[in-house]
Amino acid sequence: MLEIKNLTKEYEAGVQALDNVSFSVEQGEFLAVIGLSGSGKSTLLRCINRLVEPTEGQIIWNGVDVTSANQSELRLIRRKIGMVFQHFNLVERSQVITNVLSGRLGYINPALSLINRFPESDTEAALKQLERVEITDQAYKRADELSGGQQQRVGIARAMVQEPEMILADEPVASLDPVLAHSIMQYLEKINQEDGVTVLCSLHFLDLVHRYADRAIALNEGKLMFDGSPQAIDDEKFKEIYGKEAERVG
């Protein structure tokens, strides 16, 4: 279980990205995080695994206070939290299999990681995850030879090879067309349903939220505006979240 308690993040020049945000997520839930660009979605996800350091508040995951963890403890916590990025975050000149294996870096000797030496069992696990996202035939190509949709599948395989208990997906389909967006969301849904992995996924489009999420939270200027079923976002609530001038699609 994940508990976010009074989470606040203030950047330089007094920019308030998160303002006293509190909510909890049950193990195995698929939670959508919605809101306008700049509403705090990415900051929220990156605070959870401390890629961004919170200013105030607590993040409790499985009874462990992530916010007070030292670097050694944080390394162990991050092993079990996969991350999927909007712009894929791959090493483009490296092979696909090498990119996926980077998800095992938290498990091997740091000295071996510098020369990309991984146990055979890790390579087998990486190939298995590439098979799950139907891209095994691309394993030994350079990452930059792949399409955007294929690169995001590599990103999902990299997250899954960590054997995560939770995945943070930061706008994973924002760079993709609608057809590819659904295919990527279906892989995340499959991981959630078959493996019981908790998924927190920031999204723009309500049709994707309605189709894939068990629950949604909404941010506006860093404040929590909504927490509930996606179906409960009526026209009035939509305008609270996105502003009165926003036009609802989906």
Protein backbone atom coordinates (compact mmCIF):
# COMPACT_ATOMS: atom_id res chain seq x y z
CA MET A 1 0.00 0.00 0.00
CA LEU A 2 1.15 3.50 -0.86
CA GLU A 3 0.27 6.48 1.32
CA ILE A 4 0.94 10.07 0.30
CA LYS A 5 0.64 12.41 3.27
CA ASN A 6 0.56 16.21 2.90
CA LEU A 7 3.07 16.09 0.05
CA THR A 8 4.42 19.49 -1.00
CA LYS A 9 7.07 20.35 -3.57
CA GLU A 10 8.31 23.89 -4.07
CA TYR A 11 10.87 24.58 -6.79
CA GLU A 12 13.19 27.56 -7.02
CA ALA A 13 11.61 31.00 -7.35
CA GLY A 14 8.68 29.82 -5.23
CA VAL A 15 7.02 27.66 -7.89
CA GLN A 16 4.59 25.39 -6.02
CA ALA A 17 4.35 22.13 -8.00
CA LEU A 18 2.51 20.16 -5.27
CA ASP A 19 0.45 21.69 -2.49
CA ASN A 20 -0.39 19.49 0.51
CA VAL A 21 -1.46 16.44 -1.53
CA SER A 22 -2.76 13.37 0.35
CA PHE A 23 -4.16 10.07 -0.95
CA SER A 24 -3.53 6.33 -0.73
CA VAL A 25 -3.25 3.52 -3.28
CA GLU A 26 -4.08 -0.12 -2.60
CA GLN A 27 -1.76 -2.89 -3.80
CA GLY A 28 -2.80 -3.98 -7.31
CA GLU A 29 -4.75 -0.83 -8.12
CA PHE A 30 -4.53 0.96 -11.49
CA LEU A 31 -4.60 4.66 -10.64
CA ALA A 32 -4.75 7.39 -13.27
CA VAL A 33 -3.31 10.80 -12.43
CA ILE A 34 -4.92 13.51 -14.55
CA GLY A 35 -4.70 17.27 -14.99
CA LEU A 36 -3.40 19.96 -17.31
CA SER A 37 0.24 20.20 -18.29
CA GLY A 38 2.02 21.83 -15.36
CA SER A 39 -0.56 20.63 -12.83
CA GLY A 40 2.02 18.58 -10.90
CA LYS A 41 1.46 15.08 -12.33
CA SER A 42 5.08 14.37 -13.25
CA THR A 43 6.39 15.93 -10.06
CA LEU A 44 4.07 13.71 -8.02
CA LEU A 45 5.26 10.50 -9.69
CA ARG A 46 8.90 11.51 -9.45
CA CYS A 47 8.57 12.37 -5.77
CA ILE A 48 7.31 8.85 -5.04
CA ASN A 49 10.66 7.29 -5.96
CA ARG A 50 12.55 10.48 -5.05
CA LEU A 51 13.81 11.33 -8.51
CA VAL A 52 12.49 14.66 -7.24
CA GLU A 53 12.99 15.46 -3.57
CA PRO A 54 9.78 16.54 -1.77
CA THR A 55 9.84 19.78 0.18
CA GLU A 56 7.44 18.56 2.86
CA GLY A 57 5.22 15.58 3.62
CA GLN A 58 5.61 11.83 3.72
CA ILE A 59 5.56 8.94 1.26
CA ILE A 60 4.92 5.61 2.97
CA TRP A 61 5.18 2.46 0.87
CA ASN A 62 4.59 -0.97 2.39
CA GLY A 63 5.20 0.56 5.80
CA VAL A 64 8.55 2.14 4.81
CA ASP A 65 9.02 5.92 4.92
CA VAL A 66 10.50 6.60 1.48
CA THR A 67 11.02 10.28 2.29
CA SER A 68 13.46 9.54 5.12
CA ALA A 69 15.35 6.67 3.42
CA ASN A 70 19.12 7.05 3.01
CA GLN A 71 20.79 6.31 -0.33
CA SER A 72 21.42 2.66 0.48
CA GLU A 73 17.81 2.14 1.57
CA LEU A 74 16.54 4.08 -1.43
CA ARG A 75 18.44 1.79 -3.80
CA LEU A 76 16.56 -1.19 -2.35
CA ILE A 77 13.22 0.65 -2.56
CA ARG A 78 13.80 1.63 -6.19
CA ARG A 79 14.45 -1.98 -7.16
CA LYS A 80 10.75 -2.64 -6.74
CA ILE A 81 9.47 0.56 -8.39
CA GLY A 82 9.60 0.51 -12.19
CA MET A 83 9.44 3.75 -14.16
CA VAL A 84 8.09 4.30 -17.68
CA PHE A 85 8.88 7.69 -19.23
CA GLN A 86 7.07 9.84 -21.79
CA HIS A 87 10.14 10.12 -24.04
CA PHE A 88 11.23 6.50 -23.43
CA ASN A 89 14.59 7.42 -21.75
CA LEU A 90 16.56 4.78 -23.65
CA VAL A 91 20.26 4.79 -24.48
CA GLU A 92 19.69 5.15 -28.21
CA ARG A 93 23.07 3.84 -29.37
CA SER A 94 22.80 0.71 -27.23
CA GLN A 95 21.06 -2.50 -28.19
CA VAL A 96 17.49 -3.07 -27.09
CA ILE A 97 18.55 -5.98 -24.85
CA THR A 98 21.12 -3.75 -23.11
CA ASN A 99 18.46 -1.13 -22.43
CA VAL A 100 16.17 -3.74 -20.90
CA LEU A 101 18.99 -5.17 -18.79
CA SER A 102 19.56 -1.73 -17.27
CA GLY A 103 16.45 -2.53 -15.22
CA ARG A 104 18.61 -5.06 -13.34
CA LEU A 105 21.25 -2.53 -12.27
CA GLY A 106 19.86 -2.38 -8.75
CA TYR A 107 20.51 -6.10 -8.34
CA ILE A 108 24.11 -6.53 -9.50
CA ASN A 109 27.54 -5.44 -8.31
CA PRO A 110 28.02 -1.77 -9.34
CA ALA A 111 31.48 -2.60 -10.75
CA LEU A 112 29.94 -5.13 -13.15
CA SER A 113 27.27 -2.65 -14.17
CA LEU A 114 29.95 -0.30 -15.50
CA ILE A 115 30.93 -2.86 -18.13
CA ASN A 116 27.41 -4.17 -18.77
CA ARG A 117 28.16 -7.61 -17.36
CA PHE A 118 24.94 -9.32 -16.34
CA PRO A 119 24.26 -12.90 -15.21
CA GLU A 120 22.81 -15.23 -17.86
CA SER A 121 19.61 -15.46 -15.80
CA ASP A 122 19.14 -11.68 -16.17
CA THR A 123 19.54 -11.91 -19.96
CA GLU A 124 16.94 -14.69 -20.03
CA ALA A 125 14.59 -12.54 -17.92
CA ALA A 126 15.12 -9.58 -20.27
CA LEU A 127 14.27 -11.69 -23.32
CA LYS A 128 11.17 -13.00 -21.55
CA GLN A 129 9.93 -9.45 -20.93
CA LEU A 130 10.63 -8.49 -24.54
CA GLU A 131 8.53 -11.49 -25.54
CA ARG A 132 5.68 -10.25 -23.34
CA VAL A 133 5.61 -6.94 -25.19
CA GLU A 134 6.00 -8.77 -28.53
CA ILE A 135 9.30 -7.31 -29.56
CA THR A 136 11.83 -10.16 -29.13
CA ASP A 137 12.84 -9.90 -32.79
CA GLN A 138 14.24 -6.41 -32.09
CA ALA A 139 16.42 -7.47 -29.14
CA TYR A 140 19.79 -6.96 -30.84
CA LYS A 141 18.97 -3.83 -32.82
CA ARG A 142 20.02 -0.38 -31.68
CA ALA A 143 17.26 1.38 -29.78
CA ASP A 144 17.25 4.31 -32.19
CA GLU A 145 16.31 1.97 -35.05
CA LEU A 146 12.90 1.37 -33.45
CA SER A 147 9.66 3.32 -33.85
CA GLY A 148 8.25 5.33 -30.95
CA GLY A 149 5.74 2.64 -30.05
CA GLN A 150 8.45 -0.02 -30.11
CA GLN A 151 10.74 2.10 -27.95
CA GLN A 152 8.00 2.50 -25.36
CA ARG A 153 7.55 -1.28 -25.30
CA VAL A 154 11.27 -1.52 -24.56
CA GLY A 155 10.69 0.93 -21.70
CA ILE A 156 7.95 -1.29 -20.30
CA ALA A 157 10.14 -4.40 -20.59
CA ARG A 158 12.94 -2.56 -18.76
CA ALA A 159 10.56 -1.67 -15.92
CA MET A 160 9.23 -5.23 -15.71
CA VAL A 161 12.64 -6.89 -15.59
CA GLN A 162 13.06 -5.20 -12.21
CA GLU A 163 10.31 -7.52 -10.90
CA PRO A 164 8.49 -4.44 -9.60
CA GLU A 165 5.64 -4.25 -7.16
CA MET A 166 4.70 -0.81 -8.52
CA ILE A 167 5.12 0.98 -11.85
CA LEU A 168 5.11 4.76 -12.22
CA ALA A 169 4.17 5.61 -15.83
CA ASP A 170 4.78 9.29 -16.55
CA GLU A 171 2.69 10.27 -19.60
CA PRO A 172 3.64 6.97 -21.31
CA VAL A 173 1.48 7.56 -24.40
CA ALA A 174 1.73 11.34 -24.84
CA SER A 175 4.20 10.95 -27.73
CA LEU A 176 2.14 8.31 -29.55
CA ASP A 177 -0.85 8.31 -31.87
CA PRO A 178 -4.20 6.98 -30.53
CA VAL A 179 -3.84 3.44 -31.91
CA LEU A 180 -0.36 3.01 -30.43
CA ALA A 181 -1.53 4.63 -27.21
CA HIS A 182 -4.11 1.88 -26.68
CA SER A 183 -1.56 -0.85 -27.41
CA ILE A 184 0.83 0.53 -24.79
CA MET A 185 -1.99 0.95 -22.26
CA GLN A 186 -3.03 -2.66 -22.87
CA TYR A 187 0.47 -3.86 -21.94
CA LEU A 188 0.29 -1.87 -18.69
CA GLU A 189 -3.20 -3.24 -18.04
CA LYS A 190 -1.97 -6.80 -18.61
CA ILE A 191 0.92 -6.31 -16.18
CA ASN A 192 -1.50 -4.88 -13.62
CA GLN A 193 -4.04 -7.68 -13.96
CA GLU A 194 -1.78 -10.70 -14.49
CA ASP A 195 1.11 -9.78 -12.18
CA GLY A 196 -0.79 -7.74 -9.60
CA VAL A 197 1.61 -4.81 -10.11
CA THR A 198 0.27 -1.49 -8.83
CA VAL A 199 0.23 1.09 -11.64
CA LEU A 200 0.20 4.88 -11.26
CA CYS A 201 -0.17 6.37 -14.71
CA SER A 202 -0.43 10.06 -15.62
CA LEU A 203 -2.70 10.65 -18.59
CA HIS A 204 -4.27 13.50 -20.55
CA PHE A 205 -7.21 11.84 -22.27
CA LEU A 206 -10.31 10.84 -20.35
CA ASP A 207 -11.20 8.05 -22.77
CA LEU A 208 -7.99 6.25 -21.72
CA VAL A 209 -8.75 6.94 -18.05
CA HIS A 210 -12.26 5.49 -18.40
CA ARG A 211 -10.99 2.45 -20.29
CA TYR A 212 -8.03 1.43 -18.14
CA ALA A 213 -8.10 2.98 -14.66
CA ASP A 214 -9.78 1.61 -11.54
CA ARG A 215 -9.60 5.05 -10.00
CA ALA A 216 -8.47 8.56 -10.83
CA ILE A 217 -7.00 11.49 -8.96
CA ALA A 218 -6.84 14.96 -10.48
CA LEU A 219 -4.41 17.80 -9.85
CA ASN A 220 -4.80 21.48 -10.66
CA GLU A 221 -1.95 23.86 -9.84
CA GLY A 222 -0.54 21.25 -7.48
CA LYS A 223 -3.74 20.77 -5.49
CA LEU A 224 -5.75 17.56 -5.32
CA MET A 225 -9.09 18.34 -6.98
CA PHE A 226 -10.64 14.89 -7.30
CA ASP A 227 -10.22 11.35 -5.99
CA GLY A 228 -12.67 8.69 -7.10
CA SER A 229 -14.11 6.64 -9.93
CA PRO A 230 -13.33 7.92 -13.45
CA GLN A 231 -17.04 7.62 -14.22
CA ALA A 232 -17.75 10.22 -11.52
CA ILE A 233 -16.00 12.95 -13.54
CA ASP A 234 -19.07 14.75 -14.88
CA ASP A 235 -19.03 18.01 -16.86
CA GLU A 236 -18.95 20.15 -13.72
CA LYS A 237 -16.06 18.22 -12.19
CA PHE A 238 -14.26 18.23 -15.53
CA LYS A 239 -14.34 22.04 -15.61
CA GLU A 240 -13.04 22.19 -12.02
CA ILE A 241 -10.08 20.06 -13.04
CA TYR A 242 -9.30 21.51 -16.46
CA GLY A 243 -10.78 25.01 -16.29
CA LYS A 244 -14.04 26.49 -17.54
CA GLU A 245 -12.74 27.02 -21.08
CA ALA A 246 -11.71 23.38 -21.52
CA GLU A 247 -13.67 21.26 -23.96
CA ARG A 248 -14.37 17.70 -22.97
CA VAL A 249 -13.33 15.01 -25.46
CA GLY A 250 -13.94 11.32 -24.75
